[in-house]
């Protein structure tokens, strides 16, 4: 009757896709798990930041299109698009500065590691 519904087997998840350093012997959580958590959070946050910049550009564009001859609305739209551009430039510049430091000093500043 319900052939379209697939059962969820949470107990049989595939651990082969997870970085082996994140899983301790016997599947016990350790302090090394914070490295994986931090890396996962950064990847999610960078994706959300990119989406936020895109949405701000789109909203600013629509505000600019629909502003008509109202200078106040046009200034608000220009401010929104400027803020989005500045945020994008600052986040890219921060990454480039970290890569610059890593290249010239050899210190792995773009990799989060808890010393063992």
N, C-alpha and C. Protein backbone atom coordinates (compact mmCIF):
# COMPACT_ATOMS: atom_id res chain seq x y z
N UNK A 1 0.82 -1.18 0.00
CA UNK A 1 0.00 0.00 0.00
C UNK A 1 0.88 1.27 0.00
N UNK A 2 1.90 1.34 0.84
CA UNK A 2 2.77 2.51 0.92
C UNK A 2 4.12 2.20 0.30
N UNK A 3 4.16 1.92 -0.96
CA UNK A 3 5.41 1.54 -1.61
C UNK A 3 6.32 2.73 -1.88
N UNK A 4 5.78 3.94 -1.87
CA UNK A 4 6.60 5.12 -2.12
C UNK A 4 7.37 5.56 -0.89
N UNK A 5 6.96 5.12 0.28
CA UNK A 5 7.61 5.52 1.52
C UNK A 5 8.76 4.58 1.80
N UNK A 6 9.95 5.16 1.96
CA UNK A 6 11.13 4.36 2.28
C UNK A 6 11.39 4.41 3.78
N UNK A 7 11.70 3.29 4.40
CA UNK A 7 11.98 3.30 5.83
C UNK A 7 13.30 3.99 6.12
N UNK A 8 13.40 4.62 7.28
CA UNK A 8 14.62 5.28 7.71
C UNK A 8 15.35 4.37 8.69
N UNK A 9 16.55 3.97 8.32
CA UNK A 9 17.36 3.11 9.17
C UNK A 9 18.50 3.93 9.76
N UNK A 10 18.23 4.63 10.84
CA UNK A 10 19.24 5.49 11.45
C UNK A 10 20.38 4.68 12.07
N UNK A 11 20.13 3.45 12.44
CA UNK A 11 21.14 2.63 13.09
C UNK A 11 22.19 2.13 12.10
N UNK A 12 21.88 2.09 10.84
CA UNK A 12 22.81 1.53 9.85
C UNK A 12 23.42 2.62 8.98
N UNK A 13 23.78 3.75 9.56
CA UNK A 13 24.35 4.83 8.77
C UNK A 13 25.75 4.43 8.29
N UNK A 14 26.12 4.94 7.14
CA UNK A 14 27.40 4.61 6.52
C UNK A 14 28.49 5.52 7.10
N UNK A 15 29.39 4.94 7.88
CA UNK A 15 30.47 5.70 8.52
C UNK A 15 31.67 5.86 7.60
N UNK A 16 31.65 5.26 6.42
CA UNK A 16 32.81 5.36 5.54
C UNK A 16 32.97 6.75 4.94
N UNK A 17 31.91 7.56 4.95
CA UNK A 17 32.00 8.91 4.40
C UNK A 17 32.58 9.91 5.39
N UNK A 18 32.68 9.53 6.65
CA UNK A 18 33.16 10.42 7.70
C UNK A 18 34.67 10.28 7.82
N UNK A 19 35.34 11.40 8.05
CA UNK A 19 36.78 11.42 8.22
C UNK A 19 37.16 10.48 9.36
N UNK A 20 38.09 9.54 9.14
CA UNK A 20 38.42 8.57 10.18
C UNK A 20 39.01 9.18 11.44
N UNK A 21 39.57 10.38 11.36
CA UNK A 21 40.11 11.01 12.56
C UNK A 21 39.01 11.53 13.47
N UNK A 22 37.78 11.64 12.95
CA UNK A 22 36.66 12.13 13.75
C UNK A 22 36.03 11.03 14.59
N UNK A 23 36.32 9.78 14.28
CA UNK A 23 35.73 8.66 14.99
C UNK A 23 36.83 7.95 15.77
N UNK A 24 36.64 7.84 17.06
CA UNK A 24 37.61 7.13 17.89
C UNK A 24 37.31 5.64 17.86
N UNK A 25 38.19 4.86 18.43
CA UNK A 25 37.98 3.42 18.50
C UNK A 25 36.72 3.13 19.31
N UNK A 26 35.88 2.31 18.77
CA UNK A 26 34.66 1.93 19.48
C UNK A 26 33.56 2.98 19.37
N UNK A 27 33.67 3.93 18.46
CA UNK A 27 32.66 4.98 18.25
C UNK A 27 32.40 5.82 19.50
N UNK A 28 33.46 6.11 20.25
CA UNK A 28 33.34 6.94 21.43
C UNK A 28 33.78 8.36 21.06
N UNK A 29 33.01 9.35 21.46
CA UNK A 29 33.35 10.73 21.16
C UNK A 29 34.60 11.15 21.94
N UNK A 30 35.48 11.87 21.28
CA UNK A 30 36.69 12.39 21.91
C UNK A 30 36.81 13.88 21.63
N UNK A 31 37.85 14.49 22.16
CA UNK A 31 38.08 15.91 21.94
C UNK A 31 38.40 16.20 20.48
N UNK A 32 38.88 15.20 19.74
CA UNK A 32 39.17 15.38 18.32
C UNK A 32 37.89 15.64 17.52
N UNK A 33 36.76 15.28 18.08
CA UNK A 33 35.49 15.53 17.41
C UNK A 33 35.20 17.01 17.24
N UNK A 34 35.80 17.85 18.11
CA UNK A 34 35.61 19.29 17.97
C UNK A 34 36.22 19.83 16.69
N UNK A 35 37.32 19.23 16.23
CA UNK A 35 37.91 19.64 14.96
C UNK A 35 36.91 19.44 13.83
N UNK A 36 36.31 18.27 13.80
CA UNK A 36 35.34 17.96 12.74
C UNK A 36 34.12 18.86 12.84
N UNK A 37 33.67 19.11 14.07
CA UNK A 37 32.53 19.98 14.28
C UNK A 37 32.84 21.39 13.80
N UNK A 38 34.02 21.89 14.11
CA UNK A 38 34.42 23.24 13.70
C UNK A 38 34.52 23.35 12.19
N UNK A 39 35.11 22.35 11.56
CA UNK A 39 35.24 22.35 10.09
C UNK A 39 33.86 22.31 9.45
N UNK A 40 32.96 21.49 9.98
CA UNK A 40 31.61 21.40 9.43
C UNK A 40 30.85 22.72 9.61
N UNK A 41 31.01 23.35 10.78
CA UNK A 41 30.34 24.63 11.02
C UNK A 41 30.87 25.71 10.07
N UNK A 42 32.18 25.73 9.84
CA UNK A 42 32.74 26.73 8.94
C UNK A 42 32.25 26.53 7.51
N UNK A 43 32.13 25.30 7.08
CA UNK A 43 31.64 25.07 5.72
C UNK A 43 30.19 25.50 5.59
N UNK A 44 29.39 25.25 6.62
CA UNK A 44 27.98 25.67 6.59
C UNK A 44 27.89 27.19 6.64
N UNK A 45 28.68 27.81 7.51
CA UNK A 45 28.63 29.27 7.64
C UNK A 45 29.10 29.97 6.38
N UNK A 46 30.12 29.43 5.72
CA UNK A 46 30.58 30.07 4.49
C UNK A 46 29.53 29.95 3.39
N UNK A 47 28.83 28.83 3.35
CA UNK A 47 27.73 28.67 2.38
C UNK A 47 26.60 29.64 2.69
N UNK A 48 26.25 29.76 3.96
CA UNK A 48 25.18 30.69 4.34
C UNK A 48 25.59 32.14 4.08
N UNK A 49 26.86 32.47 4.28
CA UNK A 49 27.32 33.83 3.99
C UNK A 49 27.22 34.13 2.50
N UNK A 50 27.59 33.17 1.67
CA UNK A 50 27.47 33.36 0.23
C UNK A 50 26.02 33.55 -0.19
N UNK A 51 25.13 32.77 0.40
CA UNK A 51 23.70 32.93 0.10
C UNK A 51 23.18 34.28 0.58
N UNK A 52 23.66 34.73 1.74
CA UNK A 52 23.22 36.03 2.26
C UNK A 52 23.68 37.16 1.35
N UNK A 53 24.92 37.09 0.85
CA UNK A 53 25.39 38.12 -0.07
C UNK A 53 24.54 38.13 -1.33
N UNK A 54 24.25 36.95 -1.87
CA UNK A 54 23.44 36.86 -3.08
C UNK A 54 22.05 37.44 -2.85
N UNK A 55 21.42 37.07 -1.74
CA UNK A 55 20.07 37.56 -1.44
C UNK A 55 20.09 39.08 -1.27
N UNK A 56 21.13 39.60 -0.61
CA UNK A 56 21.22 41.06 -0.45
C UNK A 56 21.35 41.76 -1.80
N UNK A 57 22.13 41.20 -2.72
CA UNK A 57 22.24 41.78 -4.06
C UNK A 57 20.89 41.76 -4.77
N UNK A 58 20.19 40.63 -4.68
CA UNK A 58 18.90 40.51 -5.36
C UNK A 58 17.89 41.48 -4.76
N UNK A 59 17.84 41.56 -3.44
CA UNK A 59 16.89 42.48 -2.78
C UNK A 59 17.22 43.92 -3.15
N UNK A 60 18.51 44.26 -3.12
CA UNK A 60 18.91 45.61 -3.51
C UNK A 60 18.55 45.91 -4.96
N UNK A 61 18.71 44.92 -5.83
CA UNK A 61 18.35 45.11 -7.23
C UNK A 61 16.86 45.33 -7.41
N UNK A 62 16.06 44.53 -6.72
CA UNK A 62 14.61 44.72 -6.82
C UNK A 62 14.18 46.07 -6.24
N UNK A 63 14.81 46.46 -5.13
CA UNK A 63 14.49 47.77 -4.56
C UNK A 63 14.85 48.88 -5.55
N UNK A 64 15.97 48.71 -6.24
CA UNK A 64 16.39 49.72 -7.22
C UNK A 64 15.42 49.76 -8.40
N UNK A 65 15.01 48.59 -8.87
CA UNK A 65 14.08 48.54 -10.00
C UNK A 65 12.74 49.18 -9.65
N UNK A 66 12.23 48.87 -8.47
CA UNK A 66 10.91 49.34 -8.09
C UNK A 66 10.93 50.68 -7.35
N UNK A 67 12.08 51.33 -7.28
CA UNK A 67 12.14 52.62 -6.59
C UNK A 67 11.46 53.72 -7.39
N UNK A 68 11.41 53.55 -8.70
CA UNK A 68 10.77 54.58 -9.53
C UNK A 68 11.58 55.86 -9.47
N UNK A 69 10.93 56.94 -9.15
CA UNK A 69 11.63 58.23 -9.08
C UNK A 69 11.85 58.68 -7.65
N UNK A 70 11.64 57.77 -6.69
CA UNK A 70 11.82 58.12 -5.28
C UNK A 70 13.31 58.03 -4.92
N UNK A 71 13.96 59.16 -4.64
CA UNK A 71 15.39 59.12 -4.35
C UNK A 71 15.72 58.43 -3.02
N UNK A 72 14.79 58.46 -2.07
CA UNK A 72 15.04 57.80 -0.78
C UNK A 72 15.11 56.29 -0.95
N UNK A 73 14.21 55.71 -1.71
CA UNK A 73 14.20 54.26 -1.94
C UNK A 73 15.40 53.84 -2.77
N UNK A 74 15.77 54.68 -3.74
CA UNK A 74 16.95 54.37 -4.56
C UNK A 74 18.22 54.40 -3.70
N UNK A 75 18.30 55.34 -2.77
CA UNK A 75 19.46 55.41 -1.88
C UNK A 75 19.50 54.20 -0.96
N UNK A 76 18.33 53.76 -0.50
CA UNK A 76 18.26 52.56 0.34
C UNK A 76 18.71 51.32 -0.43
N UNK A 77 18.29 51.22 -1.68
CA UNK A 77 18.70 50.09 -2.52
C UNK A 77 20.20 50.12 -2.77
N UNK A 78 20.74 51.30 -3.05
CA UNK A 78 22.18 51.44 -3.28
C UNK A 78 22.96 51.07 -2.01
N UNK A 79 22.43 51.45 -0.86
CA UNK A 79 23.06 51.11 0.42
C UNK A 79 23.06 49.60 0.65
N UNK A 80 21.95 48.94 0.32
CA UNK A 80 21.87 47.49 0.48
C UNK A 80 22.89 46.78 -0.40
N UNK A 81 22.98 47.22 -1.66
CA UNK A 81 23.93 46.59 -2.58
C UNK A 81 25.37 46.89 -2.19
N UNK A 82 25.63 48.09 -1.68
CA UNK A 82 26.97 48.44 -1.23
C UNK A 82 27.37 47.60 -0.02
N UNK A 83 26.44 47.42 0.91
CA UNK A 83 26.73 46.60 2.09
C UNK A 83 27.03 45.15 1.69
N UNK A 84 26.29 44.63 0.73
CA UNK A 84 26.53 43.26 0.27
C UNK A 84 27.91 43.16 -0.38
N UNK A 85 28.27 44.14 -1.19
CA UNK A 85 29.58 44.11 -1.86
C UNK A 85 30.71 44.23 -0.85
N UNK A 86 30.55 45.11 0.14
CA UNK A 86 31.58 45.26 1.17
C UNK A 86 31.73 43.98 1.97
N UNK A 87 30.62 43.35 2.34
CA UNK A 87 30.69 42.10 3.08
C UNK A 87 31.38 41.00 2.29
N UNK A 88 31.08 40.91 1.01
CA UNK A 88 31.72 39.91 0.15
C UNK A 88 33.22 40.18 0.02
N UNK A 89 33.58 41.43 -0.17
CA UNK A 89 34.99 41.79 -0.31
C UNK A 89 35.75 41.54 0.98
N UNK A 90 35.16 41.86 2.12
CA UNK A 90 35.83 41.64 3.41
C UNK A 90 36.03 40.15 3.67
N UNK A 91 35.02 39.32 3.37
CA UNK A 91 35.19 37.88 3.63
C UNK A 91 36.23 37.27 2.69
N UNK A 92 36.26 37.69 1.43
CA UNK A 92 37.28 37.19 0.51
C UNK A 92 38.66 37.69 0.92
N UNK A 93 38.75 38.95 1.34
CA UNK A 93 40.04 39.50 1.78
C UNK A 93 40.56 38.78 3.02
N UNK A 94 39.66 38.43 3.94
CA UNK A 94 40.09 37.69 5.14
C UNK A 94 40.68 36.34 4.76
N UNK A 95 40.04 35.64 3.83
CA UNK A 95 40.55 34.34 3.38
C UNK A 95 41.90 34.51 2.69
N UNK A 96 42.02 35.53 1.83
CA UNK A 96 43.28 35.76 1.12
C UNK A 96 44.40 36.14 2.07
N UNK A 97 44.11 36.90 3.11
CA UNK A 97 45.13 37.25 4.10
C UNK A 97 45.61 36.00 4.82
N UNK A 98 44.67 35.11 5.19
CA UNK A 98 45.07 33.87 5.85
C UNK A 98 45.92 33.00 4.93
N UNK A 99 45.55 32.91 3.65
CA UNK A 99 46.36 32.14 2.70
C UNK A 99 47.73 32.78 2.50
N UNK A 100 47.81 34.11 2.50
CA UNK A 100 49.08 34.83 2.38
C UNK A 100 49.98 34.50 3.57
N UNK A 101 49.42 34.54 4.77
CA UNK A 101 50.19 34.21 5.98
C UNK A 101 50.66 32.76 5.91
N UNK A 102 49.79 31.87 5.48
CA UNK A 102 50.15 30.45 5.39
C UNK A 102 51.25 30.22 4.36
N UNK A 103 51.20 30.93 3.25
CA UNK A 103 52.20 30.75 2.20
C UNK A 103 53.58 31.24 2.65
N UNK A 104 53.63 32.41 3.28
CA UNK A 104 54.92 33.00 3.61
C UNK A 104 55.51 32.53 4.93
N UNK A 105 54.69 32.07 5.86
CA UNK A 105 55.24 31.60 7.14
C UNK A 105 55.28 30.08 7.23
N UNK A 106 54.48 29.41 6.45
CA UNK A 106 54.42 27.96 6.52
C UNK A 106 53.54 27.45 7.64
N UNK A 107 52.97 28.35 8.44
CA UNK A 107 52.08 27.95 9.53
C UNK A 107 50.71 27.63 8.95
N UNK A 108 50.15 26.47 9.27
CA UNK A 108 48.85 26.10 8.71
C UNK A 108 47.69 26.82 9.40
N UNK A 109 47.53 28.11 9.12
CA UNK A 109 46.50 28.91 9.80
C UNK A 109 45.10 28.65 9.25
N UNK A 110 44.99 28.00 8.10
CA UNK A 110 43.66 27.72 7.55
C UNK A 110 43.16 26.33 7.94
N UNK A 111 43.93 25.61 8.75
CA UNK A 111 43.52 24.28 9.20
C UNK A 111 43.37 24.31 10.71
N UNK A 112 42.19 23.94 11.17
CA UNK A 112 41.94 23.90 12.61
C UNK A 112 42.35 22.54 13.15
N UNK A 113 43.28 22.53 14.09
CA UNK A 113 43.73 21.28 14.70
C UNK A 113 43.91 21.47 16.19
N UNK A 114 43.45 20.51 16.95
CA UNK A 114 43.69 20.50 18.38
C UNK A 114 44.97 19.70 18.60
N UNK A 115 45.98 20.31 19.21
CA UNK A 115 47.25 19.58 19.40
C UNK A 115 47.05 18.37 20.31
N UNK A 116 47.71 17.30 19.95
CA UNK A 116 47.57 16.08 20.76
C UNK A 116 48.76 15.89 21.67
